[in-house]
Amino acid sequence: MFFRQDKQVFFMEKQSIKTAETKSSFLFKLTWRFTIFLTGALLMAVLLYVAGNFQHFLDGTQQLLLLITSVVSLALIIFSAAGIIQCLVFGIAWKSREHWLKIILFVVSEVVSVAVFILSRVIIMLSEGINL
């Protein structure tokens, strides 16, 4: 909306200029955001477990934190794998550079979550004791 000098108002149409229009499906956006959420939840659970070691949390609390960590990392493994598949499909179909760059982040989150899952399960197993 512009004002002329004679105080008349006239409207201009909004120009929708999209220089680099990114194509993303709703499912990909949902997978991306849920992966970011799970990464934050995994980081918080690991940090709470580490802080609990220094502040002498109870054994039951530490095992619960490890269980939460392993569940969140398992969910992150599943969603990261889905994100990798979606990035491959959309990267090939739409020839989008954004999807090829996001695949790196999905792979990194996949590798880190697998490592945290294995570590948390080993710690749970060792804390319960080895029964021969």
N, C-alpha and C. Protein backbone atom coordinates (compact mmCIF):
# COMPACT_ATOMS: atom_id res chain seq x y z
N MET A 1 0.85 -1.16 0.00
CA MET A 1 0.00 0.00 0.00
C MET A 1 0.90 1.23 0.00
N PHE A 2 0.64 2.11 -0.90
CA PHE A 2 1.41 3.34 -1.01
C PHE A 2 0.48 4.55 -0.92
N PHE A 3 1.02 5.65 -0.44
CA PHE A 3 0.27 6.90 -0.38
C PHE A 3 0.86 7.86 -1.40
N ARG A 4 -0.01 8.44 -2.16
CA ARG A 4 0.43 9.48 -3.08
C ARG A 4 0.48 10.81 -2.34
N GLN A 5 1.00 11.79 -3.03
CA GLN A 5 1.06 13.11 -2.41
C GLN A 5 -0.33 13.71 -2.22
N ASP A 6 -1.25 13.31 -3.05
CA ASP A 6 -2.61 13.85 -2.89
C ASP A 6 -3.47 12.96 -1.99
N LYS A 7 -2.83 12.18 -1.14
CA LYS A 7 -3.45 11.39 -0.08
C LYS A 7 -4.38 10.30 -0.61
N GLN A 8 -4.22 9.91 -1.85
CA GLN A 8 -5.00 8.79 -2.35
C GLN A 8 -4.21 7.50 -2.12
N VAL A 9 -4.94 6.50 -1.81
CA VAL A 9 -4.32 5.22 -1.51
C VAL A 9 -4.51 4.29 -2.71
N PHE A 10 -3.45 3.67 -3.11
CA PHE A 10 -3.60 2.63 -4.12
C PHE A 10 -2.78 1.42 -3.69
N PHE A 11 -3.21 0.28 -4.09
CA PHE A 11 -2.62 -0.98 -3.67
C PHE A 11 -1.80 -1.58 -4.80
N MET A 12 -0.71 -2.14 -4.40
CA MET A 12 0.11 -2.87 -5.35
C MET A 12 -0.02 -4.35 -5.05
N GLU A 13 0.04 -5.13 -6.09
CA GLU A 13 0.00 -6.56 -5.88
C GLU A 13 1.32 -7.00 -5.28
N LYS A 14 1.20 -7.96 -4.40
CA LYS A 14 2.43 -8.50 -3.81
C LYS A 14 3.15 -9.32 -4.85
N GLN A 15 4.39 -9.03 -4.98
CA GLN A 15 5.19 -9.79 -5.92
C GLN A 15 5.82 -10.95 -5.17
N SER A 16 5.53 -12.12 -5.63
CA SER A 16 6.10 -13.29 -4.98
C SER A 16 7.29 -13.76 -5.80
N ILE A 17 8.44 -13.30 -5.39
CA ILE A 17 9.67 -13.68 -6.06
C ILE A 17 10.36 -14.73 -5.20
N LYS A 18 10.46 -15.91 -5.73
CA LYS A 18 11.14 -16.99 -5.04
C LYS A 18 12.35 -17.37 -5.88
N THR A 19 13.50 -16.96 -5.43
CA THR A 19 14.70 -17.24 -6.22
C THR A 19 15.09 -18.70 -6.17
N ALA A 20 15.10 -19.25 -4.99
CA ALA A 20 15.49 -20.65 -4.85
C ALA A 20 14.37 -21.39 -4.13
N GLU A 21 13.37 -21.75 -4.88
CA GLU A 21 12.23 -22.44 -4.30
C GLU A 21 12.63 -23.85 -3.92
N THR A 22 12.46 -24.17 -2.66
CA THR A 22 12.82 -25.50 -2.20
C THR A 22 11.58 -26.36 -2.17
N LYS A 23 11.72 -27.54 -2.69
CA LYS A 23 10.62 -28.48 -2.70
C LYS A 23 10.82 -29.46 -1.56
N SER A 24 9.85 -29.53 -0.69
CA SER A 24 9.90 -30.49 0.40
C SER A 24 8.48 -30.97 0.66
N SER A 25 8.37 -32.23 0.94
CA SER A 25 7.05 -32.76 1.26
C SER A 25 6.79 -32.57 2.75
N PHE A 26 5.54 -32.74 3.11
CA PHE A 26 5.17 -32.63 4.51
C PHE A 26 5.84 -33.72 5.33
N LEU A 27 5.93 -34.91 4.77
CA LEU A 27 6.56 -36.03 5.47
C LEU A 27 8.03 -35.77 5.73
N PHE A 28 8.72 -35.14 4.76
CA PHE A 28 10.14 -34.84 4.95
C PHE A 28 10.32 -33.77 6.03
N LYS A 29 9.48 -32.75 6.02
CA LYS A 29 9.57 -31.71 7.05
C LYS A 29 9.32 -32.30 8.44
N LEU A 30 8.33 -33.20 8.51
CA LEU A 30 8.02 -33.84 9.78
C LEU A 30 9.18 -34.71 10.25
N THR A 31 9.78 -35.46 9.35
CA THR A 31 10.93 -36.30 9.70
C THR A 31 12.11 -35.46 10.14
N TRP A 32 12.37 -34.36 9.45
CA TRP A 32 13.48 -33.48 9.78
C TRP A 32 13.30 -32.86 11.17
N ARG A 33 12.11 -32.37 11.44
CA ARG A 33 11.87 -31.72 12.73
C ARG A 33 11.87 -32.72 13.88
N PHE A 34 11.34 -33.92 13.64
CA PHE A 34 11.34 -34.93 14.69
C PHE A 34 12.75 -35.43 14.94
N THR A 35 13.57 -35.48 13.91
CA THR A 35 14.97 -35.88 14.10
C THR A 35 15.71 -34.84 14.93
N ILE A 36 15.45 -33.57 14.68
CA ILE A 36 16.07 -32.51 15.49
C ILE A 36 15.60 -32.61 16.94
N PHE A 37 14.30 -32.86 17.14
CA PHE A 37 13.77 -33.01 18.50
C PHE A 37 14.42 -34.19 19.21
N LEU A 38 14.51 -35.33 18.53
CA LEU A 38 15.10 -36.51 19.15
C LEU A 38 16.58 -36.33 19.43
N THR A 39 17.27 -35.59 18.58
CA THR A 39 18.68 -35.31 18.83
C THR A 39 18.84 -34.48 20.10
N GLY A 40 18.00 -33.49 20.27
CA GLY A 40 18.03 -32.69 21.50
C GLY A 40 17.67 -33.50 22.73
N ALA A 41 16.67 -34.37 22.60
CA ALA A 41 16.28 -35.22 23.73
C ALA A 41 17.39 -36.20 24.09
N LEU A 42 18.06 -36.74 23.08
CA LEU A 42 19.17 -37.65 23.35
C LEU A 42 20.33 -36.92 24.02
N LEU A 43 20.61 -35.72 23.57
CA LEU A 43 21.67 -34.92 24.18
C LEU A 43 21.35 -34.61 25.64
N MET A 44 20.10 -34.26 25.91
CA MET A 44 19.70 -33.95 27.28
C MET A 44 19.77 -35.19 28.18
N ALA A 45 19.37 -36.34 27.66
CA ALA A 45 19.41 -37.57 28.47
C ALA A 45 20.84 -37.98 28.77
N VAL A 46 21.72 -37.85 27.79
CA VAL A 46 23.13 -38.21 28.01
C VAL A 46 23.77 -37.24 29.00
N LEU A 47 23.49 -35.95 28.84
CA LEU A 47 24.06 -34.96 29.78
C LEU A 47 23.52 -35.16 31.19
N LEU A 48 22.26 -35.54 31.32
CA LEU A 48 21.69 -35.78 32.64
C LEU A 48 22.32 -37.02 33.27
N TYR A 49 22.60 -38.05 32.46
CA TYR A 49 23.26 -39.24 32.98
C TYR A 49 24.68 -38.92 33.45
N VAL A 50 25.41 -38.14 32.65
CA VAL A 50 26.78 -37.78 33.02
C VAL A 50 26.78 -36.91 34.28
N ALA A 51 25.84 -35.97 34.35
CA ALA A 51 25.75 -35.13 35.56
C ALA A 51 25.36 -35.97 36.77
N GLY A 52 24.53 -36.97 36.55
CA GLY A 52 24.13 -37.85 37.65
C GLY A 52 25.27 -38.68 38.18
N ASN A 53 26.23 -39.01 37.33
CA ASN A 53 27.41 -39.73 37.82
C ASN A 53 28.22 -38.88 38.77
N PHE A 54 28.34 -37.61 38.47
CA PHE A 54 29.13 -36.72 39.34
C PHE A 54 28.36 -36.30 40.58
N GLN A 55 27.04 -36.26 40.50
CA GLN A 55 26.24 -35.83 41.65
C GLN A 55 25.67 -37.00 42.44
N HIS A 56 26.10 -38.20 42.13
CA HIS A 56 25.75 -39.41 42.86
C HIS A 56 24.25 -39.67 42.89
N PHE A 57 23.65 -39.74 41.69
CA PHE A 57 22.25 -40.14 41.62
C PHE A 57 22.12 -41.59 42.08
N LEU A 58 20.93 -41.99 42.45
CA LEU A 58 20.69 -43.37 42.86
C LEU A 58 20.85 -44.31 41.65
N ASP A 59 21.11 -45.58 41.96
CA ASP A 59 21.32 -46.55 40.88
C ASP A 59 20.08 -46.71 40.01
N GLY A 60 18.92 -46.72 40.64
CA GLY A 60 17.67 -46.86 39.89
C GLY A 60 17.44 -45.68 38.94
N THR A 61 17.80 -44.50 39.40
CA THR A 61 17.65 -43.32 38.57
C THR A 61 18.61 -43.37 37.38
N GLN A 62 19.83 -43.81 37.62
CA GLN A 62 20.81 -43.92 36.54
C GLN A 62 20.38 -44.96 35.51
N GLN A 63 19.84 -46.07 35.98
CA GLN A 63 19.36 -47.10 35.04
C GLN A 63 18.15 -46.61 34.25
N LEU A 64 17.28 -45.83 34.89
CA LEU A 64 16.15 -45.24 34.17
C LEU A 64 16.64 -44.26 33.10
N LEU A 65 17.63 -43.46 33.44
CA LEU A 65 18.19 -42.53 32.45
C LEU A 65 18.83 -43.28 31.28
N LEU A 66 19.50 -44.38 31.57
CA LEU A 66 20.08 -45.18 30.50
C LEU A 66 19.01 -45.82 29.63
N LEU A 67 17.92 -46.25 30.26
CA LEU A 67 16.81 -46.82 29.50
C LEU A 67 16.17 -45.76 28.59
N ILE A 68 15.98 -44.56 29.12
CA ILE A 68 15.44 -43.46 28.32
C ILE A 68 16.39 -43.13 27.17
N THR A 69 17.68 -43.12 27.45
CA THR A 69 18.68 -42.84 26.43
C THR A 69 18.63 -43.88 25.32
N SER A 70 18.50 -45.15 25.69
CA SER A 70 18.49 -46.18 24.66
C SER A 70 17.20 -46.14 23.84
N VAL A 71 16.07 -45.82 24.46
CA VAL A 71 14.81 -45.72 23.72
C VAL A 71 14.84 -44.53 22.75
N VAL A 72 15.33 -43.39 23.22
CA VAL A 72 15.40 -42.21 22.36
C VAL A 72 16.40 -42.43 21.22
N SER A 73 17.52 -43.08 21.52
CA SER A 73 18.48 -43.33 20.45
C SER A 73 17.95 -44.34 19.44
N LEU A 74 17.15 -45.30 19.88
CA LEU A 74 16.53 -46.25 18.95
C LEU A 74 15.53 -45.54 18.04
N ALA A 75 14.73 -44.63 18.62
CA ALA A 75 13.80 -43.85 17.80
C ALA A 75 14.56 -42.95 16.82
N LEU A 76 15.69 -42.39 17.26
CA LEU A 76 16.50 -41.55 16.38
C LEU A 76 17.12 -42.37 15.25
N ILE A 77 17.49 -43.60 15.53
CA ILE A 77 18.02 -44.48 14.49
C ILE A 77 16.96 -44.70 13.41
N ILE A 78 15.73 -44.95 13.82
CA ILE A 78 14.65 -45.20 12.87
C ILE A 78 14.35 -43.96 12.04
N PHE A 79 14.22 -42.80 12.69
CA PHE A 79 13.88 -41.59 11.96
C PHE A 79 15.05 -41.09 11.10
N SER A 80 16.28 -41.32 11.52
CA SER A 80 17.41 -40.94 10.69
C SER A 80 17.49 -41.82 9.44
N ALA A 81 17.20 -43.10 9.60
CA ALA A 81 17.17 -43.99 8.43
C ALA A 81 16.07 -43.57 7.46
N ALA A 82 14.91 -43.20 7.99
CA ALA A 82 13.83 -42.72 7.13
C ALA A 82 14.23 -41.41 6.44
N GLY A 83 14.93 -40.55 7.16
CA GLY A 83 15.39 -39.30 6.56
C GLY A 83 16.42 -39.53 5.46
N ILE A 84 17.30 -40.50 5.67
CA ILE A 84 18.30 -40.82 4.64
C ILE A 84 17.61 -41.32 3.37
N ILE A 85 16.63 -42.20 3.54
CA ILE A 85 15.90 -42.71 2.38
C ILE A 85 15.15 -41.59 1.66
N GLN A 86 14.50 -40.72 2.43
CA GLN A 86 13.77 -39.61 1.82
C GLN A 86 14.72 -38.66 1.10
N CYS A 87 15.88 -38.39 1.70
CA CYS A 87 16.85 -37.50 1.05
C CYS A 87 17.34 -38.09 -0.26
N LEU A 88 17.57 -39.39 -0.28
CA LEU A 88 18.00 -40.03 -1.52
C LEU A 88 16.92 -39.94 -2.59
N VAL A 89 15.69 -40.23 -2.21
CA VAL A 89 14.59 -40.19 -3.19
C VAL A 89 14.36 -38.77 -3.69
N PHE A 90 14.25 -37.81 -2.78
CA PHE A 90 13.98 -36.43 -3.20
C PHE A 90 15.18 -35.80 -3.89
N GLY A 91 16.38 -36.19 -3.49
CA GLY A 91 17.57 -35.67 -4.15
C GLY A 91 17.67 -36.12 -5.59
N ILE A 92 17.28 -37.36 -5.84
CA ILE A 92 17.31 -37.87 -7.21
C ILE A 92 16.12 -37.35 -8.01
N ALA A 93 14.92 -37.37 -7.42
CA ALA A 93 13.72 -36.99 -8.15
C ALA A 93 13.67 -35.50 -8.46
N TRP A 94 14.00 -34.67 -7.48
CA TRP A 94 13.88 -33.22 -7.66
C TRP A 94 15.20 -32.54 -7.95
N LYS A 95 16.28 -33.29 -7.90
CA LYS A 95 17.62 -32.74 -8.12
C LYS A 95 17.87 -31.52 -7.22
N SER A 96 17.53 -31.71 -5.95
CA SER A 96 17.64 -30.63 -4.97
C SER A 96 18.93 -30.75 -4.19
N ARG A 97 19.69 -29.69 -4.15
CA ARG A 97 20.94 -29.67 -3.40
C ARG A 97 20.70 -29.70 -1.90
N GLU A 98 19.58 -29.14 -1.48
CA GLU A 98 19.25 -29.11 -0.05
C GLU A 98 19.15 -30.53 0.52
N HIS A 99 18.55 -31.43 -0.23
CA HIS A 99 18.41 -32.80 0.25
C HIS A 99 19.75 -33.51 0.29
N TRP A 100 20.62 -33.21 -0.63
CA TRP A 100 21.94 -33.85 -0.61
C TRP A 100 22.78 -33.34 0.55
N LEU A 101 22.56 -32.09 0.98
CA LEU A 101 23.30 -31.56 2.13
C LEU A 101 22.72 -32.08 3.46
N LYS A 102 21.40 -32.25 3.49
CA LYS A 102 20.79 -32.75 4.73
C LYS A 102 21.08 -34.21 4.97
N ILE A 103 21.43 -34.94 3.91
CA ILE A 103 21.73 -36.36 4.10
C ILE A 103 22.98 -36.53 4.97
N ILE A 104 23.88 -35.56 4.91
CA ILE A 104 25.09 -35.62 5.76
C ILE A 104 24.70 -35.54 7.23
N LEU A 105 23.77 -34.65 7.55
CA LEU A 105 23.33 -34.51 8.94
C LEU A 105 22.57 -35.75 9.41
N PHE A 106 21.78 -36.33 8.52
CA PHE A 106 21.08 -37.56 8.89
C PHE A 106 22.06 -38.70 9.14
N VAL A 107 23.09 -38.81 8.32
CA VAL A 107 24.08 -39.88 8.50
C VAL A 107 24.84 -39.69 9.81
N VAL A 108 25.22 -38.45 10.11
CA VAL A 108 25.93 -38.17 11.36
C VAL A 108 25.06 -38.52 12.56
N SER A 109 23.79 -38.12 12.52
CA SER A 109 22.90 -38.44 13.64
C SER A 109 22.66 -39.94 13.74
N GLU A 110 22.65 -40.62 12.61
CA GLU A 110 22.50 -42.09 12.62
C GLU A 110 23.69 -42.75 13.30
N VAL A 111 24.89 -42.35 12.93
CA VAL A 111 26.10 -42.96 13.49
C VAL A 111 26.21 -42.66 14.99
N VAL A 112 25.95 -41.43 15.37
CA VAL A 112 26.04 -41.06 16.79
C VAL A 112 24.99 -41.80 17.61
N SER A 113 23.78 -41.90 17.09
CA SER A 113 22.73 -42.58 17.86
C SER A 113 22.99 -44.08 17.97
N VAL A 114 23.58 -44.70 16.95
CA VAL A 114 23.95 -46.11 17.05
C VAL A 114 25.02 -46.30 18.12
N ALA A 115 26.00 -45.41 18.14
CA ALA A 115 27.06 -45.52 19.14
C ALA A 115 26.51 -45.32 20.56
N VAL A 116 25.63 -44.35 20.73
CA VAL A 116 25.05 -44.10 22.05
C VAL A 116 24.15 -45.27 22.46
N PHE A 117 23.41 -45.83 21.52
CA PHE A 117 22.55 -46.97 21.83
C PHE A 117 23.38 -48.16 22.30
N ILE A 118 24.44 -48.47 21.57
CA ILE A 118 25.28 -49.61 21.96
C ILE A 118 25.93 -49.36 23.31
N LEU A 119 26.44 -48.15 23.52
CA LEU A 119 27.08 -47.82 24.80
C LEU A 119 26.10 -47.89 25.96
N SER A 120 24.90 -47.36 25.78
CA SER A 120 23.93 -47.39 26.88
C SER A 120 23.48 -48.82 27.19
N ARG A 121 23.30 -49.64 26.17
CA ARG A 121 22.91 -51.03 26.41
C ARG A 121 24.03 -51.81 27.10
N VAL A 122 25.29 -51.54 26.74
CA VAL A 122 26.42 -52.21 27.40
C VAL A 122 26.50 -51.79 28.86
N ILE A 123 26.30 -50.51 29.13
CA ILE A 123 26.35 -50.04 30.52
C ILE A 123 25.21 -50.64 31.33
N ILE A 124 24.03 -50.75 30.75
CA ILE A 124 22.90 -51.38 31.45
C ILE A 124 23.23 -52.85 31.75
N MET A 125 23.77 -53.54 30.77
CA MET A 125 24.10 -54.94 30.95
C MET A 125 25.17 -55.13 32.03
N LEU A 126 26.18 -54.26 32.03
CA LEU A 126 27.23 -54.37 33.04
C LEU A 126 26.75 -53.99 34.43
N SER A 127 25.81 -53.04 34.51
CA SER A 127 25.31 -52.63 35.82
C SER A 127 24.42 -53.70 36.45
N GLU A 128 23.78 -54.51 35.62
CA GLU A 128 22.95 -55.59 36.16
C GLU A 128 23.80 -56.77 36.62
N GLY A 129 25.03 -56.84 36.17
CA GLY A 129 25.93 -57.92 36.57
C GLY A 129 25.94 -59.02 35.53
N ILE A 130 27.05 -59.71 35.51
CA ILE A 130 27.22 -60.81 34.57
C ILE A 130 26.95 -62.11 35.31
N ASN A 131 25.88 -62.78 34.91
CA ASN A 131 25.51 -64.05 35.55
C ASN A 131 25.98 -65.18 34.66
N LEU A 132 26.79 -66.05 35.21
CA LEU A 132 27.29 -67.17 34.42
C LEU A 132 26.46 -68.39 34.62
